[in-house]
C-alpha atoms as a PDB file:
ATOM      1  CA  GLN A   1     -78.697  67.289 125.327  1.00  0.00           C
ATOM      2  CA  ASP A   2     -77.772  66.037 122.233  1.00  0.00           C
ATOM      3  CA  PRO A   3     -79.139  62.360 122.263  1.00  0.00           C
ATOM      4  CA  ALA A   4     -75.335  60.934 120.854  1.00  0.00           C
ATOM      5  CA  TRP A   5     -74.067  61.368 124.323  1.00  0.00           C
ATOM      6  CA  THR A   6     -76.433  58.743 125.687  1.00  0.00           C
ATOM      7  CA  GLY A   7     -75.256  56.260 123.411  1.00  0.00           C
ATOM      8  CA  MET A   8     -71.225  57.293 123.840  1.00  0.00           C
ATOM      9  CA  PHE A   9     -72.078  56.802 127.589  1.00  0.00           C
ATOM     10  CA  GLU A  10     -74.135  52.888 126.870  1.00  0.00           C
ATOM     11  CA  ALA A  11     -70.782  52.054 124.625  1.00  0.00           C
ATOM     12  CA  GLU A  12     -68.037  53.589 127.058  1.00  0.00           C
ATOM     13  CA  ALA A  13     -69.838  51.628 129.956  1.00  0.00           C
ATOM     14  CA  ALA A  14     -69.933  48.652 128.083  1.00  0.00           C
ATOM     15  CA  ALA A  15     -65.870  48.891 127.646  1.00  0.00           C
ATOM     16  CA  LEU A  16     -65.422  49.653 130.897  1.00  0.00           C
ATOM     17  CA  SER A  17     -67.224  46.984 132.124  1.00  0.00           C
ATOM     18  CA  SER A  18     -65.475  44.657 130.447  1.00  0.00           C
ATOM     19  CA  VAL A  19     -62.117  45.659 131.589  1.00  0.00           C
ATOM     20  CA  LEU A  20     -62.531  46.722 135.283  1.00  0.00           C
ATOM     21  CA  GLY A  21     -65.115  42.759 135.678  1.00  0.00           C
ATOM     22  CA  GLU A  22     -66.035  41.938 139.296  1.00  0.00           C
ATOM     23  CA  GLU A  23     -64.698  45.012 140.653  1.00  0.00           C
ATOM     24  CA  VAL A  24     -67.663  46.969 139.279  1.00  0.00           C
ATOM     25  CA  LEU A  25     -70.936  47.679 141.470  1.00  0.00           C
ATOM     26  CA  ALA A  26     -72.387  49.671 139.164  1.00  0.00           C
ATOM     27  CA  ILE A  27     -71.654  52.574 136.127  1.00  0.00           C
ATOM     28  CA  HIS A  28     -73.906  55.931 135.926  1.00  0.00           C
ATOM     29  CA  HIS A  29     -73.674  58.488 133.808  1.00  0.00           C
ATOM     30  CA  MET A  30     -73.500  61.950 135.618  1.00  0.00           C
ATOM     31  CA  GLY A  31     -72.452  65.440 134.357  1.00  0.00           C
ATOM     32  CA  SER A  32     -74.117  67.648 132.148  1.00  0.00           C
ATOM     33  CA  THR A  33     -74.203  65.756 129.479  1.00  0.00           C
ATOM     34  CA  ALA A  34     -76.823  63.756 131.571  1.00  0.00           C
ATOM     35  CA  ILE A  35     -79.026  66.013 131.996  1.00  0.00           C
ATOM     36  CA  PRO A  36     -81.578  66.585 128.909  1.00  0.00           C
ATOM     37  CA  SER A  37     -82.163  70.257 128.088  1.00  0.00           C
ATOM     38  CA  ILE A  38     -78.985  71.957 129.633  1.00  0.00           C
ATOM     39  CA  ARG A  39     -75.956  72.970 127.318  1.00  0.00           C
ATOM     40  CA  ALA A  40     -73.022  70.917 127.591  1.00  0.00           C
ATOM     41  CA  LYS A  41     -69.447  70.451 126.779  1.00  0.00           C
ATOM     42  CA  PRO A  42     -69.160  67.372 124.676  1.00  0.00           C
ATOM     43  CA  ILE A  43     -67.595  65.432 127.447  1.00  0.00           C
ATOM     44  CA  VAL A  44     -68.875  62.477 128.972  1.00  0.00           C
ATOM     45  CA  ASP A  45     -68.913  62.278 132.816  1.00  0.00           C
ATOM     46  CA  ILE A  46     -68.786  58.379 133.984  1.00  0.00           C
ATOM     47  CA  LEU A  47     -69.183  57.581 138.082  1.00  0.00           C
ATOM     48  CA  ILE A  48     -68.370  54.051 138.509  1.00  0.00           C
ATOM     49  CA  GLU A  49     -69.214  52.722 141.983  1.00  0.00           C
ATOM     50  CA  VAL A  50     -66.637  49.502 142.894  1.00  0.00           C
ATOM     51  CA  ARG A  51     -65.926  47.189 145.618  1.00  0.00           C
ATOM     52  CA  GLU A  52     -63.042  48.387 146.346  1.00  0.00           C
ATOM     53  CA  ILE A  53     -61.184  51.280 145.738  1.00  0.00           C
ATOM     54  CA  GLU A  54     -57.292  50.541 145.855  1.00  0.00           C
ATOM     55  CA  LYS A  55     -57.702  47.425 143.427  1.00  0.00           C
ATOM     56  CA  ILE A  56     -58.793  50.327 140.862  1.00  0.00           C
ATOM     57  CA  ASP A  57     -54.544  51.078 140.855  1.00  0.00           C
ATOM     58  CA  ASP A  58     -53.990  47.443 139.222  1.00  0.00           C
ATOM     59  CA  PHE A  59     -55.705  48.463 136.302  1.00  0.00           C
ATOM     60  CA  ASN A  60     -53.844  51.288 135.226  1.00  0.00           C
ATOM     61  CA  LEU A  61     -53.017  49.598 132.223  1.00  0.00           C
ATOM     62  CA  GLU A  62     -56.052  47.997 130.595  1.00  0.00           C
ATOM     63  CA  MET A  63     -58.028  51.840 130.733  1.00  0.00           C
ATOM     64  CA  GLY A  64     -54.788  52.716 129.330  1.00  0.00           C
ATOM     65  CA  GLY A  65     -55.219  50.537 126.495  1.00  0.00           C
ATOM     66  CA  LEU A  66     -59.204  52.135 126.398  1.00  0.00           C
ATOM     67  CA  GLY A  67     -57.342  55.268 125.866  1.00  0.00           C
ATOM     68  CA  TYR A  68     -57.674  56.333 129.627  1.00  0.00           C
ATOM     69  CA  GLU A  69     -55.473  58.537 131.056  1.00  0.00           C
ATOM     70  CA  ALA A  70     -54.603  57.561 134.786  1.00  0.00           C
ATOM     71  CA  HIS A  71     -55.000  60.540 136.997  1.00  0.00           C
ATOM     72  CA  GLY A  72     -55.122  58.775 140.758  1.00  0.00           C
ATOM     73  CA  GLU A  73     -56.646  60.470 143.318  1.00  0.00           C
ATOM     74  CA  SER A  74     -56.522  64.075 141.819  1.00  0.00           C
ATOM     75  CA  GLY A  75     -57.158  65.643 144.871  1.00  0.00           C
ATOM     76  CA  LEU A  76     -60.430  64.217 146.062  1.00  0.00           C
ATOM     77  CA  SER A  77     -59.215  61.160 148.590  1.00  0.00           C
ATOM     78  CA  GLY A  78     -60.684  58.081 147.688  1.00  0.00           C
ATOM     79  CA  ARG A  79     -61.274  58.511 144.002  1.00  0.00           C
ATOM     80  CA  ARG A  80     -59.581  57.075 140.914  1.00  0.00           C
ATOM     81  CA  TYR A  81     -59.861  59.482 138.211  1.00  0.00           C
ATOM     82  CA  PHE A  82     -59.344  58.567 134.565  1.00  0.00           C
ATOM     83  CA  THR A  83     -59.580  60.870 130.992  1.00  0.00           C
ATOM     84  CA  LYS A  84     -60.134  60.300 127.519  1.00  0.00           C
ATOM     85  CA  ASN A  85     -59.260  62.459 124.549  1.00  0.00           C
ATOM     86  CA  ARG A  86     -60.044  62.466 121.220  1.00  0.00           C
ATOM     87  CA  GLY A  87     -56.593  64.438 120.070  1.00  0.00           C
ATOM     88  CA  PRO A  88     -56.171  67.539 122.268  1.00  0.00           C
ATOM     89  CA  ILE A  89     -59.942  67.107 122.676  1.00  0.00           C
ATOM     90  CA  ARG A  90     -61.214  66.024 125.513  1.00  0.00           C
ATOM     91  CA  THR A  91     -64.210  63.171 125.193  1.00  0.00           C
ATOM     92  CA  HIS A  92     -64.460  61.744 128.914  1.00  0.00           C
ATOM     93  CA  ASN A  93     -63.928  61.724 132.244  1.00  0.00           C
ATOM     94  CA  VAL A  94     -63.777  58.344 134.725  1.00  0.00           C
ATOM     95  CA  HIS A  95     -65.096  59.073 138.447  1.00  0.00           C
ATOM     96  CA  ILE A  96     -64.747  55.685 140.179  1.00  0.00           C
ATOM     97  CA  TYR A  97     -65.134  55.460 143.902  1.00  0.00           C
ATOM     98  CA  GLN A  98     -65.861  52.660 146.378  1.00  0.00           C
ATOM     99  CA  LYS A  99     -69.037  51.829 147.224  1.00  0.00           C
ATOM    100  CA  ASP A 100     -71.027  53.983 150.089  1.00  0.00           C
ATOM    101  CA  ASN A 101     -68.613  56.840 149.636  1.00  0.00           C
ATOM    102  CA  PRO A 102     -70.475  59.700 150.189  1.00  0.00           C
ATOM    103  CA  GLU A 103     -68.809  61.552 146.903  1.00  0.00           C
ATOM    104  CA  VAL A 104     -71.453  58.834 145.047  1.00  0.00           C
ATOM    105  CA  GLU A 105     -74.503  60.356 146.496  1.00  0.00           C
ATOM    106  CA  ARG A 106     -73.301  64.157 145.879  1.00  0.00           C
ATOM    107  CA  HIS A 107     -73.010  63.459 141.966  1.00  0.00           C
ATOM    108  CA  LEU A 108     -76.010  61.535 141.171  1.00  0.00           C
ATOM    109  CA  ALA A 109     -78.328  63.658 143.641  1.00  0.00           C
ATOM    110  CA  PHE A 110     -76.939  66.667 141.421  1.00  0.00           C
ATOM    111  CA  LYS A 111     -77.946  64.957 138.080  1.00  0.00           C
ATOM    112  CA  ASP A 112     -81.339  62.844 139.643  1.00  0.00           C
ATOM    113  CA  TYR A 113     -82.379  66.486 140.887  1.00  0.00           C
ATOM    114  CA  MET A 114     -81.582  68.990 137.977  1.00  0.00           C
ATOM    115  CA  ILE A 115     -84.407  66.651 135.202  1.00  0.00           C
ATOM    116  CA  PRO A 116     -87.727  67.198 137.145  1.00  0.00           C
ATOM    117  CA  HIS A 117     -86.287  70.506 137.967  1.00  0.00           C
ATOM    118  CA  PRO A 118     -85.977  72.232 135.274  1.00  0.00           C
ATOM    119  CA  GLU A 119     -85.847  75.543 136.123  1.00  0.00           C
ATOM    120  CA  ALA A 120     -82.660  74.609 138.200  1.00  0.00           C
ATOM    121  CA  ALA A 121     -81.249  72.952 135.397  1.00  0.00           C
ATOM    122  CA  GLN A 122     -82.018  76.227 133.089  1.00  0.00           C
ATOM    123  CA  ALA A 123     -80.119  78.320 135.557  1.00  0.00           C
ATOM    124  CA  TYR A 124     -77.200  76.292 135.722  1.00  0.00           C
ATOM    125  CA  SER A 125     -77.227  76.259 131.876  1.00  0.00           C
ATOM    126  CA  ARG A 126     -77.180  79.781 131.664  1.00  0.00           C
ATOM    127  CA  LEU A 127     -74.845  80.497 134.168  1.00  0.00           C
ATOM    128  CA  LYS A 128     -72.147  78.115 131.828  1.00  0.00           C
ATOM    129  CA  GLU A 129     -72.917  79.818 128.829  1.00  0.00           C
ATOM    130  CA  GLU A 130     -72.082  82.882 130.684  1.00  0.00           C
ATOM    131  CA  LEU A 131     -68.948  82.012 132.263  1.00  0.00           C
ATOM    132  CA  ALA A 132     -67.944  80.354 129.020  1.00  0.00           C
ATOM    133  CA  ALA A 133     -68.201  83.125 127.440  1.00  0.00           C
ATOM    134  CA  GLU A 134     -66.301  84.929 130.358  1.00  0.00           C
ATOM    135  CA  PHE A 135     -63.279  82.649 130.666  1.00  0.00           C
ATOM    136  CA  PRO A 136     -62.962  81.055 126.980  1.00  0.00           C
ATOM    137  CA  ALA A 137     -59.097  80.691 127.793  1.00  0.00           C
ATOM    138  CA  ASP A 138     -59.155  79.916 131.507  1.00  0.00           C
ATOM    139  CA  ILE A 139     -60.744  76.731 132.567  1.00  0.00           C
ATOM    140  CA  TYR A 140     -60.195  77.655 136.348  1.00  0.00           C
ATOM    141  CA  GLY A 141     -62.183  80.716 135.953  1.00  0.00           C
ATOM    142  CA  TYR A 142     -65.135  78.687 134.210  1.00  0.00           C
ATOM    143  CA  ILE A 143     -64.711  76.414 137.238  1.00  0.00           C
ATOM    144  CA  ASP A 144     -64.829  79.049 140.138  1.00  0.00           C
ATOM    145  CA  GLY A 145     -67.214  81.180 138.480  1.00  0.00           C
ATOM    146  CA  LYS A 146     -69.572  78.293 138.896  1.00  0.00           C
ATOM    147  CA  ASP A 147     -68.778  76.894 142.202  1.00  0.00           C
ATOM    148  CA  ALA A 148     -70.904  78.418 144.516  1.00  0.00           C
ATOM    149  CA  PHE A 149     -74.438  77.584 142.567  1.00  0.00           C
ATOM    150  CA  ALA A 150     -73.358  74.031 142.249  1.00  0.00           C
ATOM    151  CA  ARG A 151     -72.433  73.958 145.500  1.00  0.00           C
ATOM    152  CA  GLU A 152     -76.212  75.424 146.960  1.00  0.00           C
ATOM    153  CA  ILE A 153     -77.682  72.512 144.191  1.00  0.00           C
ATOM    154  CA  GLU A 154     -75.961  70.120 145.441  1.00  0.00           C
ATOM    155  CA  ARG A 155     -76.980  70.535 149.249  1.00  0.00           C
ATOM    156  CA  LYS A 156     -80.643  71.093 147.739  1.00  0.00           C
ATOM    157  CA  ALA A 157     -80.431  67.542 145.698  1.00  0.00           C
ATOM    158  CA  VAL A 158     -78.923  65.887 148.362  1.00  0.00           C
ATOM    159  CA  ALA A 159     -81.448  66.787 150.821  1.00  0.00           C
ATOM    160  CA  TRP A 160     -84.178  66.338 148.366  1.00  0.00           C
ATOM    161  CA  ASN A 161     -82.795  63.093 147.300  1.00  0.00           C
ATOM    162  CA  ARG A 162     -82.917  61.556 151.128  1.00  0.00           C
ATOM    163  CA  SER A 163     -86.667  62.962 152.038  1.00  0.00           C
ATOM    164  CA  ARG A 164     -87.520  60.118 148.724  1.00  0.00           C
ATOM    165  CA  SER A 165     -86.039  57.213 150.132  1.00  0.00           C
END
């Protein structure tokens, strides 16, 4: 894990919090850049829990001021999705969900499970490296290739997370 990713997350979380204000309940670092010791594309994934998801559409202009492009739900009902690029290179993905959306638990449980389960984290890291080599210019091939493994880890992670509660 690149230590700069934590700093990138923290700086971005502060900027996002200042824009979204009272709607924000929590901001989380998620995805591969939040898991120590695994390889990751240098894209910081951020999950934000908010009071009312519909109100987030009112912030599209302000999010644009931070360099984000709004993509609406982008295929996932109940989500608002934003991306930020530096030139042609993606630097951040922001996934916003209303509190209590089950997607929040799924995303955070995955990250929280991987940290104390380094064998699973390393297997995921190796798979991602193999897929990156196999599909260097095919993001959909890369995503499809890791889907079954990620879903199995998510299933274990959610069960593990619930057993800790």
